[in-house]
């Protein structure tokens, strides 16, 4: 009898200010997710903060030697951002324990980033989009989800997994929710669902897709951690600016595992996708004219 794999999904950089967009999948069974939450709750209690306060962006931005903008403006205080008074050693120790608990309890996970500029040029605004053999969305989040979903489908095929799936997304806009349904879950009933044993799109069962809030649904924080890490690393590589301490610390933990993967889709990869789509369309057109 197969189990149910619960997929928690979060994103980073989908607002208008960031040049980088990222998404992350963290996958495990209900039992292991419960163990994950129990472990993180214990870490939070011992460190003196609440999980509903935690968010990687806020954690990295607010510290003893430099308060975050919200705390400087009085929007938040040390009650909200307990870690602002922590020593460097305590920050590192707490983050270390959280990341290692994630690695232990999550069956598999991916964090993938790319630049919005590259996506606009080679995918969203490219003529290749009109002839692509797969749906392409307008929202940056959708393509990031497709990237993670492809890796997850390959993992399921290589491990012979056919578990039932539940998907829990962090809060999304109305446009993003529509695209998640039409593009990520590919309402393309004329397409083959399996190719070489790999799922080409996921077909959710009734009530198996939901949208949560990480302040309440704490396993979403695992995907938040992966998405934030790769988005921060990629942004740092491009701009050569910004604090890198926490991202570097987390990356060292994740890259030493076999089941947690973080990386980015570069310009050359997106350009190759564009070329392949256009070349395929040209061949089909030539064949029809013969």
C-alpha atoms as a PDB file:
ATOM      1  CA  UNK A   1       0.000   0.000   0.000  1.00  0.00           C
ATOM      2  CA  UNK A   2       1.501   3.336  -1.081  1.00  0.00           C
ATOM      3  CA  UNK A   3       1.832   6.297   1.250  1.00  0.00           C
ATOM      4  CA  UNK A   4       0.950   9.900   0.550  1.00  0.00           C
ATOM      5  CA  UNK A   5       3.785  12.262  -0.224  1.00  0.00           C
ATOM      6  CA  UNK A   6       3.063  15.828   0.881  1.00  0.00           C
ATOM      7  CA  UNK A   7       4.811  18.490  -1.183  1.00  0.00           C
ATOM      8  CA  UNK A   8       5.337  21.877   0.481  1.00  0.00           C
ATOM      9  CA  UNK A   9       6.095  24.666  -1.975  1.00  0.00           C
ATOM     10  CA  UNK A  10       7.365  28.206  -1.503  1.00  0.00           C
ATOM     11  CA  UNK A  11       8.906  30.890  -3.691  1.00  0.00           C
ATOM     12  CA  UNK A  12      11.250  33.846  -3.458  1.00  0.00           C
ATOM     13  CA  UNK A  13      11.521  36.993  -5.553  1.00  0.00           C
ATOM     14  CA  UNK A  14       8.154  36.839  -7.300  1.00  0.00           C
ATOM     15  CA  UNK A  15       7.422  40.458  -6.322  1.00  0.00           C
ATOM     16  CA  UNK A  16       8.336  43.263  -8.684  1.00  0.00           C
ATOM     17  CA  UNK A  17      11.530  44.336  -6.922  1.00  0.00           C
ATOM     18  CA  UNK A  18      13.731  41.265  -7.311  1.00  0.00           C
ATOM     19  CA  UNK A  19      15.766  40.365 -10.383  1.00  0.00           C
ATOM     20  CA  UNK A  20      15.819  36.720  -9.302  1.00  0.00           C
ATOM     21  CA  UNK A  21      12.921  34.314  -8.904  1.00  0.00           C
ATOM     22  CA  UNK A  22      13.135  30.958  -7.151  1.00  0.00           C
ATOM     23  CA  UNK A  23      10.853  28.156  -6.088  1.00  0.00           C
ATOM     24  CA  UNK A  24      11.381  25.155  -3.846  1.00  0.00           C
ATOM     25  CA  UNK A  25       9.760  21.768  -3.267  1.00  0.00           C
ATOM     26  CA  UNK A  26      10.183  19.868  -0.018  1.00  0.00           C
ATOM     27  CA  UNK A  27       8.635  16.399  -0.027  1.00  0.00           C
ATOM     28  CA  UNK A  28       7.992  13.861   2.711  1.00  0.00           C
ATOM     29  CA  UNK A  29       5.312  11.708   4.312  1.00  0.00           C
ATOM     30  CA  UNK A  30       2.844  12.992   6.913  1.00  0.00           C
ATOM     31  CA  UNK A  31       4.661  11.111   9.667  1.00  0.00           C
ATOM     32  CA  UNK A  32       8.028  12.600   8.787  1.00  0.00           C
ATOM     33  CA  UNK A  33       6.529  16.067   8.465  1.00  0.00           C
ATOM     34  CA  UNK A  34       5.181  15.713  11.984  1.00  0.00           C
ATOM     35  CA  UNK A  35       8.659  14.759  13.188  1.00  0.00           C
ATOM     36  CA  UNK A  36      10.068  17.749  11.316  1.00  0.00           C
ATOM     37  CA  UNK A  37       7.654  20.151  12.988  1.00  0.00           C
ATOM     38  CA  UNK A  38       8.264  18.634  16.433  1.00  0.00           C
ATOM     39  CA  UNK A  39      12.005  19.047  15.998  1.00  0.00           C
ATOM     40  CA  UNK A  40      11.763  22.642  14.784  1.00  0.00           C
ATOM     41  CA  UNK A  41       9.375  23.498  17.621  1.00  0.00           C
ATOM     42  CA  UNK A  42      11.925  22.212  20.145  1.00  0.00           C
ATOM     43  CA  UNK A  43      14.720  24.198  18.502  1.00  0.00           C
ATOM     44  CA  UNK A  44      12.555  27.345  18.589  1.00  0.00           C
ATOM     45  CA  UNK A  45      11.566  26.861  22.223  1.00  0.00           C
ATOM     46  CA  UNK A  46      15.147  26.364  23.371  1.00  0.00           C
ATOM     47  CA  UNK A  47      16.345  29.371  21.368  1.00  0.00           C
ATOM     48  CA  UNK A  48      13.512  31.585  22.614  1.00  0.00           C
ATOM     49  CA  UNK A  49      11.441  32.330  19.518  1.00  0.00           C
ATOM     50  CA  UNK A  50       8.191  31.127  17.954  1.00  0.00           C
ATOM     51  CA  UNK A  51       7.973  29.384  14.602  1.00  0.00           C
ATOM     52  CA  UNK A  52       5.188  31.687  13.486  1.00  0.00           C
ATOM     53  CA  UNK A  53       7.738  34.510  13.755  1.00  0.00           C
ATOM     54  CA  UNK A  54      10.364  32.812  11.596  1.00  0.00           C
ATOM     55  CA  UNK A  55      11.060  33.703   7.991  1.00  0.00           C
ATOM     56  CA  UNK A  56      14.471  33.379   6.345  1.00  0.00           C
ATOM     57  CA  UNK A  57      14.384  36.849   4.790  1.00  0.00           C
ATOM     58  CA  UNK A  58      13.598  38.463   8.136  1.00  0.00           C
ATOM     59  CA  UNK A  59      16.076  36.286  10.031  1.00  0.00           C
ATOM     60  CA  UNK A  60      18.979  37.131   7.715  1.00  0.00           C
ATOM     61  CA  UNK A  61      18.144  40.841   7.567  1.00  0.00           C
ATOM     62  CA  UNK A  62      17.840  41.497  11.302  1.00  0.00           C
ATOM     63  CA  UNK A  63      20.813  41.074  13.620  1.00  0.00           C
ATOM     64  CA  UNK A  64      22.637  42.692  16.491  1.00  0.00           C
ATOM     65  CA  UNK A  65      24.948  44.887  14.400  1.00  0.00           C
ATOM     66  CA  UNK A  66      22.342  45.862  11.798  1.00  0.00           C
ATOM     67  CA  UNK A  67      18.590  45.905  12.421  1.00  0.00           C
ATOM     68  CA  UNK A  68      16.270  45.213   9.518  1.00  0.00           C
ATOM     69  CA  UNK A  69      14.324  48.077   7.917  1.00  0.00           C
ATOM     70  CA  UNK A  70      11.082  47.033   9.631  1.00  0.00           C
ATOM     71  CA  UNK A  71      12.656  47.182  13.088  1.00  0.00           C
ATOM     72  CA  UNK A  72      14.319  50.497  12.311  1.00  0.00           C
ATOM     73  CA  UNK A  73      10.931  51.899  11.269  1.00  0.00           C
ATOM     74  CA  UNK A  74       9.168  50.495  14.321  1.00  0.00           C
ATOM     75  CA  UNK A  75       6.995  48.100  12.305  1.00  0.00           C
ATOM     76  CA  UNK A  76       8.568  45.181  14.187  1.00  0.00           C
ATOM     77  CA  UNK A  77      10.490  44.884  17.448  1.00  0.00           C
ATOM     78  CA  UNK A  78      12.688  42.423  19.312  1.00  0.00           C
ATOM     79  CA  UNK A  79       9.479  40.682  20.339  1.00  0.00           C
ATOM     80  CA  UNK A  80       8.822  39.866  16.681  1.00  0.00           C
ATOM     81  CA  UNK A  81      12.459  39.364  15.699  1.00  0.00           C
ATOM     82  CA  UNK A  82      13.900  37.727  18.799  1.00  0.00           C
ATOM     83  CA  UNK A  83      17.102  36.883  16.927  1.00  0.00           C
ATOM     84  CA  UNK A  84      18.086  40.546  16.549  1.00  0.00           C
ATOM     85  CA  UNK A  85      19.831  40.338  19.950  1.00  0.00           C
ATOM     86  CA  UNK A  86      21.515  36.981  19.415  1.00  0.00           C
ATOM     87  CA  UNK A  87      25.264  36.542  19.226  1.00  0.00           C
ATOM     88  CA  UNK A  88      26.802  35.370  15.973  1.00  0.00           C
ATOM     89  CA  UNK A  89      27.463  31.935  17.494  1.00  0.00           C
ATOM     90  CA  UNK A  90      23.839  31.503  18.550  1.00  0.00           C
ATOM     91  CA  UNK A  91      22.537  32.520  15.125  1.00  0.00           C
ATOM     92  CA  UNK A  92      24.823  30.023  13.444  1.00  0.00           C
ATOM     93  CA  UNK A  93      24.002  27.243  15.914  1.00  0.00           C
ATOM     94  CA  UNK A  94      20.229  27.628  15.638  1.00  0.00           C
ATOM     95  CA  UNK A  95      20.259  27.824  11.845  1.00  0.00           C
ATOM     96  CA  UNK A  96      22.564  24.818  11.717  1.00  0.00           C
ATOM     97  CA  UNK A  97      20.195  22.687  13.789  1.00  0.00           C
ATOM     98  CA  UNK A  98      17.162  23.756  11.770  1.00  0.00           C
ATOM     99  CA  UNK A  99      18.836  22.932   8.448  1.00  0.00           C
ATOM    100  CA  UNK A 100      20.075  19.547   9.651  1.00  0.00           C
ATOM    101  CA  UNK A 101      16.602  18.642  10.924  1.00  0.00           C
ATOM    102  CA  UNK A 102      15.232  19.567   7.494  1.00  0.00           C
ATOM    103  CA  UNK A 103      17.799  17.337   5.782  1.00  0.00           C
ATOM    104  CA  UNK A 104      16.935  14.434   8.075  1.00  0.00           C
ATOM    105  CA  UNK A 105      13.134  14.566   7.769  1.00  0.00           C
ATOM    106  CA  UNK A 106      12.639  15.599   4.140  1.00  0.00           C
ATOM    107  CA  UNK A 107      12.649  12.733   1.633  1.00  0.00           C
ATOM    108  CA  UNK A 108      13.681  14.954  -1.251  1.00  0.00           C
ATOM    109  CA  UNK A 109      13.828  18.651  -2.045  1.00  0.00           C
ATOM    110  CA  UNK A 110      14.780  21.121  -4.768  1.00  0.00           C
ATOM    111  CA  UNK A 111      15.414  24.833  -4.857  1.00  0.00           C
ATOM    112  CA  UNK A 112      15.798  26.362  -8.329  1.00  0.00           C
ATOM    113  CA  UNK A 113      16.394  29.979  -9.335  1.00  0.00           C
ATOM    114  CA  UNK A 114      16.753  31.984 -12.536  1.00  0.00           C
ATOM    115  CA  UNK A 115      16.850  35.632 -13.553  1.00  0.00           C
ATOM    116  CA  UNK A 116      13.653  37.299 -14.708  1.00  0.00           C
ATOM    117  CA  UNK A 117      15.544  38.978 -17.543  1.00  0.00           C
ATOM    118  CA  UNK A 118      16.695  35.643 -18.990  1.00  0.00           C
ATOM    119  CA  UNK A 119      13.218  34.153 -18.672  1.00  0.00           C
ATOM    120  CA  UNK A 120      11.596  37.157 -20.360  1.00  0.00           C
ATOM    121  CA  UNK A 121      14.019  37.036 -23.276  1.00  0.00           C
ATOM    122  CA  UNK A 122      14.182  33.325 -23.985  1.00  0.00           C
ATOM    123  CA  UNK A 123      10.812  32.042 -22.790  1.00  0.00           C
ATOM    124  CA  UNK A 124       8.004  34.431 -21.945  1.00  0.00           C
ATOM    125  CA  UNK A 125       8.540  36.981 -24.747  1.00  0.00           C
ATOM    126  CA  UNK A 126      10.132  34.596 -27.239  1.00  0.00           C
ATOM    127  CA  UNK A 127       8.423  33.337 -30.423  1.00  0.00           C
ATOM    128  CA  UNK A 128       9.306  29.883 -29.099  1.00  0.00           C
ATOM    129  CA  UNK A 129       6.475  30.212 -26.607  1.00  0.00           C
ATOM    130  CA  UNK A 130       3.852  30.074 -29.368  1.00  0.00           C
ATOM    131  CA  UNK A 131       5.193  26.776 -30.733  1.00  0.00           C
ATOM    132  CA  UNK A 132       6.275  25.130 -27.459  1.00  0.00           C
ATOM    133  CA  UNK A 133       5.079  21.585 -26.848  1.00  0.00           C
ATOM    134  CA  UNK A 134       4.336  22.489 -23.237  1.00  0.00           C
ATOM    135  CA  UNK A 135       2.259  25.223 -21.590  1.00  0.00           C
ATOM    136  CA  UNK A 136       4.171  28.370 -20.669  1.00  0.00           C
ATOM    137  CA  UNK A 137       2.809  30.761 -18.071  1.00  0.00           C
ATOM    138  CA  UNK A 138       2.944  34.531 -17.691  1.00  0.00           C
ATOM    139  CA  UNK A 139       3.837  34.374 -14.002  1.00  0.00           C
ATOM    140  CA  UNK A 140       7.485  33.911 -13.009  1.00  0.00           C
ATOM    141  CA  UNK A 141       6.453  31.506 -10.264  1.00  0.00           C
ATOM    142  CA  UNK A 142       4.849  29.069 -12.705  1.00  0.00           C
ATOM    143  CA  UNK A 143       8.019  28.297 -14.645  1.00  0.00           C
ATOM    144  CA  UNK A 144       9.971  27.916 -11.406  1.00  0.00           C
ATOM    145  CA  UNK A 145       7.358  25.383 -10.270  1.00  0.00           C
ATOM    146  CA  UNK A 146       7.692  23.510 -13.562  1.00  0.00           C
ATOM    147  CA  UNK A 147      11.449  23.313 -13.060  1.00  0.00           C
ATOM    148  CA  UNK A 148      11.063  21.821  -9.577  1.00  0.00           C
ATOM    149  CA  UNK A 149       8.214  19.588 -10.708  1.00  0.00           C
ATOM    150  CA  UNK A 150      10.350  18.118 -13.472  1.00  0.00           C
ATOM    151  CA  UNK A 151      13.079  17.192 -10.991  1.00  0.00           C
ATOM    152  CA  UNK A 152      10.513  15.667  -8.649  1.00  0.00           C
ATOM    153  CA  UNK A 153       8.958  13.618 -11.468  1.00  0.00           C
ATOM    154  CA  UNK A 154      12.403  12.270 -12.381  1.00  0.00           C
ATOM    155  CA  UNK A 155      13.046  11.391  -8.729  1.00  0.00           C
ATOM    156  CA  UNK A 156       9.734   9.534  -8.460  1.00  0.00           C
ATOM    157  CA  UNK A 157      10.495   7.563 -11.616  1.00  0.00           C
ATOM    158  CA  UNK A 158      14.043   6.655 -10.550  1.00  0.00           C
ATOM    159  CA  UNK A 159      12.805   5.504  -7.125  1.00  0.00           C
ATOM    160  CA  UNK A 160       9.748   3.689  -8.451  1.00  0.00           C
ATOM    161  CA  UNK A 161       7.466   5.879  -6.358  1.00  0.00           C
ATOM    162  CA  UNK A 162       3.767   6.034  -7.177  1.00  0.00           C
ATOM    163  CA  UNK A 163       2.548   7.495  -3.899  1.00  0.00           C
ATOM    164  CA  UNK A 164      -0.534   9.655  -3.783  1.00  0.00           C
ATOM    165  CA  UNK A 165       0.400  13.330  -3.793  1.00  0.00           C
ATOM    166  CA  UNK A 166      -0.773  16.351  -1.838  1.00  0.00           C
ATOM    167  CA  UNK A 167       0.471  19.812  -2.735  1.00  0.00           C
ATOM    168  CA  UNK A 168       0.546  22.686  -0.237  1.00  0.00           C
ATOM    169  CA  UNK A 169       1.528  26.058  -1.702  1.00  0.00           C
ATOM    170  CA  UNK A 170       2.423  29.156   0.240  1.00  0.00           C
ATOM    171  CA  UNK A 171      -0.062  31.994  -0.297  1.00  0.00           C
ATOM    172  CA  UNK A 172      -0.299  32.937  -3.982  1.00  0.00           C
ATOM    173  CA  UNK A 173      -2.044  35.684  -5.942  1.00  0.00           C
ATOM    174  CA  UNK A 174      -5.207  34.987  -7.902  1.00  0.00           C
ATOM    175  CA  UNK A 175      -3.245  35.056 -11.182  1.00  0.00           C
ATOM    176  CA  UNK A 176      -0.681  32.637  -9.815  1.00  0.00           C
ATOM    177  CA  UNK A 177      -3.380  30.242  -8.601  1.00  0.00           C
ATOM    178  CA  UNK A 178      -5.015  30.213 -12.025  1.00  0.00           C
ATOM    179  CA  UNK A 179      -1.699  29.454 -13.706  1.00  0.00           C
ATOM    180  CA  UNK A 180      -0.788  26.790 -11.198  1.00  0.00           C
ATOM    181  CA  UNK A 181      -3.977  25.020 -12.195  1.00  0.00           C
ATOM    182  CA  UNK A 182      -3.736  25.574 -15.950  1.00  0.00           C
ATOM    183  CA  UNK A 183       0.005  25.307 -16.457  1.00  0.00           C
ATOM    184  CA  UNK A 184       1.710  23.439 -13.626  1.00  0.00           C
ATOM    185  CA  UNK A 185      -1.076  20.865 -13.332  1.00  0.00           C
ATOM    186  CA  UNK A 186      -1.315  20.999 -17.144  1.00  0.00           C
ATOM    187  CA  UNK A 187      -4.954  20.772 -18.021  1.00  0.00           C
ATOM    188  CA  UNK A 188      -3.761  19.229 -21.269  1.00  0.00           C
ATOM    189  CA  UNK A 189      -5.797  16.108 -21.553  1.00  0.00           C
ATOM    190  CA  UNK A 190      -4.516  15.464 -25.075  1.00  0.00           C
ATOM    191  CA  UNK A 191      -0.977  15.036 -23.793  1.00  0.00           C
ATOM    192  CA  UNK A 192       0.670  11.824 -22.676  1.00  0.00           C
ATOM    193  CA  UNK A 193       1.021  11.853 -18.913  1.00  0.00           C
ATOM    194  CA  UNK A 194       3.977   9.432 -18.829  1.00  0.00           C
ATOM    195  CA  UNK A 195       6.989   9.521 -21.125  1.00  0.00           C
ATOM    196  CA  UNK A 196       9.784   6.999 -20.562  1.00  0.00           C
ATOM    197  CA  UNK A 197       8.175   6.324 -17.190  1.00  0.00           C
ATOM    198  CA  UNK A 198       8.444   9.966 -16.091  1.00  0.00           C
ATOM    199  CA  UNK A 199       5.369  12.025 -15.249  1.00  0.00           C
ATOM    200  CA  UNK A 200       5.062  14.933 -17.643  1.00  0.00           C
ATOM    201  CA  UNK A 201       2.507  16.648 -15.441  1.00  0.00           C
ATOM    202  CA  UNK A 202       0.773  15.911 -12.159  1.00  0.00           C
ATOM    203  CA  UNK A 203      -2.912  15.115 -11.950  1.00  0.00           C
ATOM    204  CA  UNK A 204      -4.086  16.089  -8.460  1.00  0.00           C
ATOM    205  CA  UNK A 205      -6.918  14.233  -6.810  1.00  0.00           C
ATOM    206  CA  UNK A 206      -9.883  16.129  -5.301  1.00  0.00           C
ATOM    207  CA  UNK A 207      -8.907  18.184  -2.229  1.00  0.00           C
ATOM    208  CA  UNK A 208      -5.213  17.378  -2.697  1.00  0.00           C
ATOM    209  CA  UNK A 209      -4.145  20.941  -3.533  1.00  0.00           C
ATOM    210  CA  UNK A 210      -4.253  23.702  -0.927  1.00  0.00           C
ATOM    211  CA  UNK A 211      -2.760  27.106  -0.147  1.00  0.00           C
ATOM    212  CA  UNK A 212      -1.386  27.784   3.305  1.00  0.00           C
ATOM    213  CA  UNK A 213       0.478  30.363   5.319  1.00  0.00           C
ATOM    214  CA  UNK A 214       3.867  29.584   6.814  1.00  0.00           C
ATOM    215  CA  UNK A 215       2.870  31.315  10.064  1.00  0.00           C
ATOM    216  CA  UNK A 216       0.343  28.523  10.576  1.00  0.00           C
ATOM    217  CA  UNK A 217       1.535  25.723   8.289  1.00  0.00           C
ATOM    218  CA  UNK A 218       5.097  25.432   9.538  1.00  0.00           C
ATOM    219  CA  UNK A 219       6.399  22.783   7.093  1.00  0.00           C
ATOM    220  CA  UNK A 220       6.204  25.529   4.446  1.00  0.00           C
ATOM    221  CA  UNK A 221       9.217  27.027   6.217  1.00  0.00           C
ATOM    222  CA  UNK A 222      11.349  24.190   4.858  1.00  0.00           C
ATOM    223  CA  UNK A 223      10.628  25.250   1.276  1.00  0.00           C
ATOM    224  CA  UNK A 224      11.094  28.880   2.296  1.00  0.00           C
ATOM    225  CA  UNK A 225      14.601  28.007   3.503  1.00  0.00           C
ATOM    226  CA  UNK A 226      15.566  26.288   0.233  1.00  0.00           C
ATOM    227  CA  UNK A 227      14.067  28.966  -2.024  1.00  0.00           C
ATOM    228  CA  UNK A 228      15.662  31.787  -0.023  1.00  0.00           C
ATOM    229  CA  UNK A 229      19.085  30.109  -0.055  1.00  0.00           C
ATOM    230  CA  UNK A 230      19.365  29.624  -3.816  1.00  0.00           C
ATOM    231  CA  UNK A 231      17.746  32.979  -4.625  1.00  0.00           C
ATOM    232  CA  UNK A 232      20.228  34.753  -2.330  1.00  0.00           C
ATOM    233  CA  UNK A 233      23.213  32.885  -3.765  1.00  0.00           C
ATOM    234  CA  UNK A 234      22.201  33.669  -7.345  1.00  0.00           C
ATOM    235  CA  UNK A 235      21.525  37.323  -6.549  1.00  0.00           C
ATOM    236  CA  UNK A 236      24.917  37.590  -4.871  1.00  0.00           C
ATOM    237  CA  UNK A 237      26.647  36.090  -7.929  1.00  0.00           C
ATOM    238  CA  UNK A 238      24.989  38.611 -10.222  1.00  0.00           C
ATOM    239  CA  UNK A 239      25.134  41.793  -8.144  1.00  0.00           C
ATOM    240  CA  UNK A 240      28.153  41.054  -5.918  1.00  0.00           C
ATOM    241  CA  UNK A 241      26.214  42.748  -3.134  1.00  0.00           C
ATOM    242  CA  UNK A 242      24.255  41.737  -0.069  1.00  0.00           C
ATOM    243  CA  UNK A 243      24.846  39.691   3.046  1.00  0.00           C
ATOM    244  CA  UNK A 244      25.919  36.141   2.251  1.00  0.00           C
ATOM    245  CA  UNK A 245      26.644  34.601   5.661  1.00  0.00           C
ATOM    246  CA  UNK A 246      23.429  32.615   6.209  1.00  0.00           C
ATOM    247  CA  UNK A 247      23.100  31.546   2.559  1.00  0.00           C
ATOM    248  CA  UNK A 248      26.641  30.209   2.539  1.00  0.00           C
ATOM    249  CA  UNK A 249      26.074  28.380   5.828  1.00  0.00           C
ATOM    250  CA  UNK A 250      22.893  26.690   4.574  1.00  0.00           C
ATOM    251  CA  UNK A 251      24.310  25.885   1.142  1.00  0.00           C
ATOM    252  CA  UNK A 252      27.209  23.968   2.698  1.00  0.00           C
ATOM    253  CA  UNK A 253      24.722  21.757   4.552  1.00  0.00           C
ATOM    254  CA  UNK A 254      22.432  21.153   1.569  1.00  0.00           C
ATOM    255  CA  UNK A 255      25.085  20.440  -1.075  1.00  0.00           C
ATOM    256  CA  UNK A 256      26.586  17.689   1.052  1.00  0.00           C
ATOM    257  CA  UNK A 257      23.380  15.656   0.789  1.00  0.00           C
ATOM    258  CA  UNK A 258      22.135  13.365  -1.961  1.00  0.00           C
ATOM    259  CA  UNK A 259      18.445  14.224  -1.673  1.00  0.00           C
ATOM    260  CA  UNK A 260      18.408  18.015  -1.271  1.00  0.00           C
ATOM    261  CA  UNK A 261      19.396  19.886  -4.431  1.00  0.00           C
ATOM    262  CA  UNK A 262      19.743  23.619  -4.997  1.00  0.00           C
ATOM    263  CA  UNK A 263      20.869  25.266  -8.207  1.00  0.00           C
ATOM    264  CA  UNK A 264      19.928  27.731 -10.897  1.00  0.00           C
ATOM    265  CA  UNK A 265      18.823  27.627 -14.514  1.00  0.00           C
ATOM    266  CA  UNK A 266      21.276  29.826 -16.394  1.00  0.00           C
ATOM    267  CA  UNK A 267      20.870  31.878 -19.551  1.00  0.00           C
ATOM    268  CA  UNK A 268      22.429  29.229 -21.791  1.00  0.00           C
ATOM    269  CA  UNK A 269      19.929  26.599 -20.631  1.00  0.00           C
ATOM    270  CA  UNK A 270      16.975  28.886 -21.328  1.00  0.00           C
ATOM    271  CA  UNK A 271      18.449  29.861 -24.696  1.00  0.00           C
ATOM    272  CA  UNK A 272      18.789  26.165 -25.580  1.00  0.00           C
ATOM    273  CA  UNK A 273      15.135  25.591 -24.663  1.00  0.00           C
ATOM    274  CA  UNK A 274      14.191  28.439 -26.984  1.00  0.00           C
ATOM    275  CA  UNK A 275      16.319  27.077 -29.833  1.00  0.00           C
ATOM    276  CA  UNK A 276      15.003  23.534 -29.423  1.00  0.00           C
ATOM    277  CA  UNK A 277      11.379  24.717 -29.549  1.00  0.00           C
ATOM    278  CA  UNK A 278      11.988  26.824 -32.668  1.00  0.00           C
ATOM    279  CA  UNK A 279      14.008  24.090 -34.400  1.00  0.00           C
ATOM    280  CA  UNK A 280      11.287  21.517 -33.704  1.00  0.00           C
ATOM    281  CA  UNK A 281       8.623  23.844 -35.086  1.00  0.00           C
ATOM    282  CA  UNK A 282      10.706  24.450 -38.228  1.00  0.00           C
ATOM    283  CA  UNK A 283      11.169  20.729 -38.837  1.00  0.00           C
ATOM    284  CA  UNK A 284       7.440  20.111 -38.469  1.00  0.00           C
ATOM    285  CA  UNK A 285       6.698  22.948 -40.877  1.00  0.00           C
ATOM    286  CA  UNK A 286       9.203  21.626 -43.433  1.00  0.00           C
ATOM    287  CA  UNK A 287       7.719  18.146 -43.140  1.00  0.00           C
ATOM    288  CA  UNK A 288       4.207  19.440 -43.832  1.00  0.00           C
ATOM    289  CA  UNK A 289       5.366  21.243 -46.997  1.00  0.00           C
ATOM    290  CA  UNK A 290       6.996  18.150 -48.494  1.00  0.00           C
END
